[in-house]
Amino acid sequence: MIMSNSPFNPYQPPASDEADSAEGPASSPSRLILANRRQRLYASLIDGLLGMMITLPVRWKFGFFLGATPGMGGLISWQSAPLTAATTIAWLALNTYFLSQRSQTLGKVITHIRIVNEADGLPAPLRRTIVLRYLPVAAVSLLPVLQVLTLVDIAFIFRKDHRCLHDLIAGTVVVKVR
């Protein structure tokens, strides 16, 4: 057996490129904690309720639902289409602001979760969030024939990593905020 005065220990764990975990970045992918299904559900429900609280009273006041009389065949008054567009744009602007500043919607702020990149754990860029995460799901939900895909998207939440189809498309993950 050869003895040496070298400080090398063959049984020590390999050195890491990153500093000690206490000094490493909080957004390191290995240190992220996935949001659970309940948090994601509550965030979605809160976003939906807040959206209705903003848009429905205005739509009601200005006659959005006038065409919803029995036997008329319509659910909305087409004369209120500009108002519908305006309230929808206002709601989208509010969410876009929070997504651009915090990578969260209001529901995610309240439930303490955030959208981050899968690869590096950093907040997801607004363009990726809108174009890859929200737009495909919104476009599919407008087509009656493809609405079953919305249910498939939601069903993906039961994966081990709690990622929906829109998360996989965008390369994002929803994590708890510390």
C-alpha atoms as a PDB file:
ATOM      1  CA  MET A   1       0.000   0.000   0.000  1.00  0.00           C
ATOM      2  CA  ILE A   2       1.391   3.380  -1.008  1.00  0.00           C
ATOM      3  CA  MET A   3       0.898   6.292   1.383  1.00  0.00           C
ATOM      4  CA  SER A   4       1.057   9.873   0.253  1.00  0.00           C
ATOM      5  CA  ASN A   5       0.612  13.279   1.851  1.00  0.00           C
ATOM      6  CA  SER A   6      -1.737  14.374  -0.957  1.00  0.00           C
ATOM      7  CA  PRO A   7      -5.055  15.961   0.148  1.00  0.00           C
ATOM      8  CA  PHE A   8      -6.907  13.989  -2.565  1.00  0.00           C
ATOM      9  CA  ASN A   9      -9.593  11.713  -1.171  1.00  0.00           C
ATOM     10  CA  PRO A  10     -10.867   9.177  -3.721  1.00  0.00           C
ATOM     11  CA  TYR A  11     -14.093   8.749  -1.727  1.00  0.00           C
ATOM     12  CA  GLN A  12     -15.191  12.391  -1.709  1.00  0.00           C
ATOM     13  CA  PRO A  13     -18.086  13.395  -3.972  1.00  0.00           C
ATOM     14  CA  PRO A  14     -17.148  15.045  -7.259  1.00  0.00           C
ATOM     15  CA  ALA A  15     -16.742  18.828  -7.194  1.00  0.00           C
ATOM     16  CA  SER A  16     -19.622  20.847  -8.592  1.00  0.00           C
ATOM     17  CA  ASP A  17     -19.296  23.657 -11.117  1.00  0.00           C
ATOM     18  CA  GLU A  18     -21.804  25.638  -9.075  1.00  0.00           C
ATOM     19  CA  ALA A  19     -21.013  27.086  -5.681  1.00  0.00           C
ATOM     20  CA  ASP A  20     -22.352  25.501  -2.499  1.00  0.00           C
ATOM     21  CA  SER A  21     -26.151  25.174  -2.600  1.00  0.00           C
ATOM     22  CA  ALA A  22     -26.497  27.809   0.121  1.00  0.00           C
ATOM     23  CA  GLU A  23     -24.736  30.265  -2.152  1.00  0.00           C
ATOM     24  CA  GLY A  24     -26.165  29.077  -5.474  1.00  0.00           C
ATOM     25  CA  PRO A  25     -28.988  30.886  -7.256  1.00  0.00           C
ATOM     26  CA  ALA A  26     -32.449  30.395  -5.803  1.00  0.00           C
ATOM     27  CA  SER A  27     -33.788  29.748  -9.297  1.00  0.00           C
ATOM     28  CA  SER A  28     -31.500  26.783  -9.948  1.00  0.00           C
ATOM     29  CA  PRO A  29     -33.663  24.057 -11.553  1.00  0.00           C
ATOM     30  CA  SER A  30     -32.552  21.523  -8.944  1.00  0.00           C
ATOM     31  CA  ARG A  31     -33.817  23.787  -6.133  1.00  0.00           C
ATOM     32  CA  LEU A  32     -37.247  24.525  -7.623  1.00  0.00           C
ATOM     33  CA  ILE A  33     -40.309  23.027  -5.978  1.00  0.00           C
ATOM     34  CA  LEU A  34     -43.155  22.195  -8.340  1.00  0.00           C
ATOM     35  CA  ALA A  35     -46.531  23.765  -7.722  1.00  0.00           C
ATOM     36  CA  ASN A  36     -49.055  21.145  -6.742  1.00  0.00           C
ATOM     37  CA  ARG A  37     -52.296  20.462  -8.581  1.00  0.00           C
ATOM     38  CA  ARG A  38     -54.392  22.251  -5.967  1.00  0.00           C
ATOM     39  CA  GLN A  39     -52.367  25.457  -6.254  1.00  0.00           C
ATOM     40  CA  ARG A  40     -52.647  25.378 -10.034  1.00  0.00           C
ATOM     41  CA  LEU A  41     -56.403  24.738  -9.870  1.00  0.00           C
ATOM     42  CA  TYR A  42     -56.950  27.573  -7.386  1.00  0.00           C
ATOM     43  CA  ALA A  43     -54.832  29.955  -9.484  1.00  0.00           C
ATOM     44  CA  SER A  44     -56.886  29.103 -12.570  1.00  0.00           C
ATOM     45  CA  LEU A  45     -60.180  29.539 -10.701  1.00  0.00           C
ATOM     46  CA  ILE A  46     -59.039  32.877  -9.241  1.00  0.00           C
ATOM     47  CA  ASP A  47     -57.966  34.098 -12.695  1.00  0.00           C
ATOM     48  CA  GLY A  48     -61.345  33.079 -14.105  1.00  0.00           C
ATOM     49  CA  LEU A  49     -63.291  34.738 -11.293  1.00  0.00           C
ATOM     50  CA  LEU A  50     -61.266  37.933 -11.506  1.00  0.00           C
ATOM     51  CA  GLY A  51     -61.795  37.977 -15.257  1.00  0.00           C
ATOM     52  CA  MET A  52     -65.544  37.625 -14.790  1.00  0.00           C
ATOM     53  CA  MET A  53     -65.562  40.327 -12.107  1.00  0.00           C
ATOM     54  CA  ILE A  54     -63.932  42.722 -14.571  1.00  0.00           C
ATOM     55  CA  THR A  55     -65.834  41.846 -17.729  1.00  0.00           C
ATOM     56  CA  LEU A  56     -69.331  40.667 -16.775  1.00  0.00           C
ATOM     57  CA  PRO A  57     -70.645  43.797 -15.016  1.00  0.00           C
ATOM     58  CA  VAL A  58     -69.545  45.984 -17.905  1.00  0.00           C
ATOM     59  CA  ARG A  59     -70.993  43.578 -20.462  1.00  0.00           C
ATOM     60  CA  TRP A  60     -74.265  43.335 -18.521  1.00  0.00           C
ATOM     61  CA  LYS A  61     -74.606  47.110 -18.177  1.00  0.00           C
ATOM     62  CA  PHE A  62     -74.116  47.695 -21.896  1.00  0.00           C
ATOM     63  CA  GLY A  63     -76.406  44.943 -23.184  1.00  0.00           C
ATOM     64  CA  PHE A  64     -74.019  42.136 -24.012  1.00  0.00           C
ATOM     65  CA  PHE A  65     -76.627  39.499 -23.144  1.00  0.00           C
ATOM     66  CA  LEU A  66     -79.639  41.057 -24.914  1.00  0.00           C
ATOM     67  CA  GLY A  67     -79.589  38.389 -27.632  1.00  0.00           C
ATOM     68  CA  ALA A  68     -79.927  35.588 -25.086  1.00  0.00           C
ATOM     69  CA  THR A  69     -83.706  35.487 -25.152  1.00  0.00           C
ATOM     70  CA  PRO A  70     -85.388  32.067 -25.520  1.00  0.00           C
ATOM     71  CA  GLY A  71     -86.041  31.057 -29.111  1.00  0.00           C
ATOM     72  CA  MET A  72     -83.839  33.774 -30.601  1.00  0.00           C
ATOM     73  CA  GLY A  73     -80.949  31.364 -31.207  1.00  0.00           C
ATOM     74  CA  GLY A  74     -78.238  33.772 -30.084  1.00  0.00           C
ATOM     75  CA  LEU A  75     -76.319  33.982 -26.859  1.00  0.00           C
ATOM     76  CA  ILE A  76     -75.084  37.537 -27.268  1.00  0.00           C
ATOM     77  CA  SER A  77     -76.050  40.737 -28.958  1.00  0.00           C
ATOM     78  CA  TRP A  78     -73.736  41.316 -31.918  1.00  0.00           C
ATOM     79  CA  GLN A  79     -74.110  45.058 -31.376  1.00  0.00           C
ATOM     80  CA  SER A  80     -72.054  44.616 -28.216  1.00  0.00           C
ATOM     81  CA  ALA A  81     -69.067  43.018 -30.014  1.00  0.00           C
ATOM     82  CA  PRO A  82     -66.877  46.149 -29.651  1.00  0.00           C
ATOM     83  CA  LEU A  83     -67.560  46.186 -25.906  1.00  0.00           C
ATOM     84  CA  THR A  84     -66.738  42.495 -25.693  1.00  0.00           C
ATOM     85  CA  ALA A  85     -63.447  43.126 -27.452  1.00  0.00           C
ATOM     86  CA  ALA A  86     -62.635  46.100 -25.201  1.00  0.00           C
ATOM     87  CA  THR A  87     -63.270  44.249 -21.920  1.00  0.00           C
ATOM     88  CA  THR A  88     -61.361  41.205 -23.159  1.00  0.00           C
ATOM     89  CA  ILE A  89     -58.411  43.391 -24.179  1.00  0.00           C
ATOM     90  CA  ALA A  90     -58.464  45.095 -20.756  1.00  0.00           C
ATOM     91  CA  TRP A  91     -58.355  41.727 -18.994  1.00  0.00           C
ATOM     92  CA  LEU A  92     -55.579  40.495 -21.273  1.00  0.00           C
ATOM     93  CA  ALA A  93     -53.599  43.709 -20.695  1.00  0.00           C
ATOM     94  CA  LEU A  94     -53.807  43.240 -16.929  1.00  0.00           C
ATOM     95  CA  ASN A  95     -52.604  39.633 -17.158  1.00  0.00           C
ATOM     96  CA  THR A  96     -49.907  40.575 -19.663  1.00  0.00           C
ATOM     97  CA  TYR A  97     -48.594  43.206 -17.271  1.00  0.00           C
ATOM     98  CA  PHE A  98     -48.282  40.708 -14.411  1.00  0.00           C
ATOM     99  CA  LEU A  99     -46.803  38.049 -16.696  1.00  0.00           C
ATOM    100  CA  SER A 100     -44.190  40.480 -18.011  1.00  0.00           C
ATOM    101  CA  GLN A 101     -43.249  41.817 -14.572  1.00  0.00           C
ATOM    102  CA  ARG A 102     -43.498  38.720 -12.386  1.00  0.00           C
ATOM    103  CA  SER A 103     -44.062  35.742 -14.694  1.00  0.00           C
ATOM    104  CA  GLN A 104     -47.346  35.275 -12.819  1.00  0.00           C
ATOM    105  CA  THR A 105     -51.034  35.952 -13.360  1.00  0.00           C
ATOM    106  CA  LEU A 106     -53.029  37.438 -10.484  1.00  0.00           C
ATOM    107  CA  GLY A 107     -54.191  33.948  -9.521  1.00  0.00           C
ATOM    108  CA  LYS A 108     -50.604  32.743  -9.436  1.00  0.00           C
ATOM    109  CA  VAL A 109     -49.585  35.730  -7.298  1.00  0.00           C
ATOM    110  CA  ILE A 110     -52.317  34.893  -4.770  1.00  0.00           C
ATOM    111  CA  THR A 111     -51.435  31.172  -4.686  1.00  0.00           C
ATOM    112  CA  HIS A 112     -47.668  31.835  -4.585  1.00  0.00           C
ATOM    113  CA  ILE A 113     -46.707  30.060  -7.800  1.00  0.00           C
ATOM    114  CA  ARG A 114     -44.807  31.222 -10.887  1.00  0.00           C
ATOM    115  CA  ILE A 115     -44.106  30.170 -14.479  1.00  0.00           C
ATOM    116  CA  VAL A 116     -40.417  29.475 -15.146  1.00  0.00           C
ATOM    117  CA  ASN A 117     -38.321  27.986 -17.935  1.00  0.00           C
ATOM    118  CA  GLU A 118     -37.862  24.270 -17.603  1.00  0.00           C
ATOM    119  CA  ALA A 119     -34.200  24.432 -18.616  1.00  0.00           C
ATOM    120  CA  ASP A 120     -32.808  27.111 -16.309  1.00  0.00           C
ATOM    121  CA  GLY A 121     -35.518  27.885 -13.732  1.00  0.00           C
ATOM    122  CA  LEU A 122     -35.576  31.572 -14.649  1.00  0.00           C
ATOM    123  CA  PRO A 123     -38.885  33.424 -15.114  1.00  0.00           C
ATOM    124  CA  ALA A 124     -40.373  32.556 -18.496  1.00  0.00           C
ATOM    125  CA  PRO A 125     -40.125  35.355 -21.072  1.00  0.00           C
ATOM    126  CA  LEU A 126     -43.410  37.055 -21.944  1.00  0.00           C
ATOM    127  CA  ARG A 127     -43.229  36.118 -25.642  1.00  0.00           C
ATOM    128  CA  ARG A 128     -42.788  32.429 -24.847  1.00  0.00           C
ATOM    129  CA  THR A 129     -45.554  32.546 -22.254  1.00  0.00           C
ATOM    130  CA  ILE A 130     -48.074  34.191 -24.567  1.00  0.00           C
ATOM    131  CA  VAL A 131     -47.201  32.599 -27.927  1.00  0.00           C
ATOM    132  CA  LEU A 132     -46.426  29.059 -26.823  1.00  0.00           C
ATOM    133  CA  ARG A 133     -48.256  28.656 -23.528  1.00  0.00           C
ATOM    134  CA  TYR A 134     -51.560  30.544 -23.806  1.00  0.00           C
ATOM    135  CA  LEU A 135     -52.233  31.175 -27.515  1.00  0.00           C
ATOM    136  CA  PRO A 136     -52.403  27.543 -28.727  1.00  0.00           C
ATOM    137  CA  VAL A 137     -54.822  26.555 -25.956  1.00  0.00           C
ATOM    138  CA  ALA A 138     -56.977  29.649 -26.542  1.00  0.00           C
ATOM    139  CA  ALA A 139     -57.071  29.050 -30.310  1.00  0.00           C
ATOM    140  CA  VAL A 140     -58.040  25.392 -29.904  1.00  0.00           C
ATOM    141  CA  SER A 141     -60.755  26.234 -27.367  1.00  0.00           C
ATOM    142  CA  LEU A 142     -62.463  28.482 -29.933  1.00  0.00           C
ATOM    143  CA  LEU A 143     -62.993  25.603 -32.369  1.00  0.00           C
ATOM    144  CA  PRO A 144     -65.864  23.355 -31.240  1.00  0.00           C
ATOM    145  CA  VAL A 145     -64.465  20.310 -33.040  1.00  0.00           C
ATOM    146  CA  LEU A 146     -61.118  20.592 -31.213  1.00  0.00           C
ATOM    147  CA  GLN A 147     -62.378  21.471 -27.732  1.00  0.00           C
ATOM    148  CA  VAL A 148     -61.638  17.928 -26.578  1.00  0.00           C
ATOM    149  CA  LEU A 149     -57.947  18.907 -26.841  1.00  0.00           C
ATOM    150  CA  THR A 150     -58.558  21.417 -24.045  1.00  0.00           C
ATOM    151  CA  LEU A 151     -59.582  18.495 -21.831  1.00  0.00           C
ATOM    152  CA  VAL A 152     -56.476  16.587 -22.906  1.00  0.00           C
ATOM    153  CA  ASP A 153     -54.381  19.636 -21.958  1.00  0.00           C
ATOM    154  CA  ILE A 154     -55.953  19.708 -18.507  1.00  0.00           C
ATOM    155  CA  ALA A 155     -55.614  15.924 -18.063  1.00  0.00           C
ATOM    156  CA  PHE A 156     -51.838  16.229 -18.417  1.00  0.00           C
ATOM    157  CA  ILE A 157     -51.786  17.781 -14.905  1.00  0.00           C
ATOM    158  CA  PHE A 158     -51.965  14.227 -13.546  1.00  0.00           C
ATOM    159  CA  ARG A 159     -48.449  13.489 -14.774  1.00  0.00           C
ATOM    160  CA  LYS A 160     -45.806  13.021 -12.106  1.00  0.00           C
ATOM    161  CA  ASP A 161     -44.302  16.451 -12.879  1.00  0.00           C
ATOM    162  CA  HIS A 162     -47.743  18.198 -12.853  1.00  0.00           C
ATOM    163  CA  ARG A 163     -47.076  19.733 -16.277  1.00  0.00           C
ATOM    164  CA  CYS A 164     -49.999  20.310 -18.629  1.00  0.00           C
ATOM    165  CA  LEU A 165     -49.710  20.053 -22.391  1.00  0.00           C
ATOM    166  CA  HIS A 166     -49.279  23.839 -22.661  1.00  0.00           C
ATOM    167  CA  ASP A 167     -46.306  23.600 -20.254  1.00  0.00           C
ATOM    168  CA  LEU A 168     -44.685  20.979 -22.460  1.00  0.00           C
ATOM    169  CA  ILE A 169     -45.267  23.031 -25.618  1.00  0.00           C
ATOM    170  CA  ALA A 170     -43.736  26.152 -24.064  1.00  0.00           C
ATOM    171  CA  GLY A 171     -40.930  24.393 -22.184  1.00  0.00           C
ATOM    172  CA  THR A 172     -42.154  25.855 -18.913  1.00  0.00           C
ATOM    173  CA  VAL A 173     -42.916  24.562 -15.455  1.00  0.00           C
ATOM    174  CA  VAL A 174     -45.021  26.089 -12.662  1.00  0.00           C
ATOM    175  CA  VAL A 175     -43.176  26.285  -9.359  1.00  0.00           C
ATOM    176  CA  LYS A 176     -43.792  27.495  -5.835  1.00  0.00           C
ATOM    177  CA  VAL A 177     -42.516  30.979  -5.004  1.00  0.00           C
ATOM    178  CA  ARG A 178     -40.403  31.114  -1.870  1.00  0.00           C
END
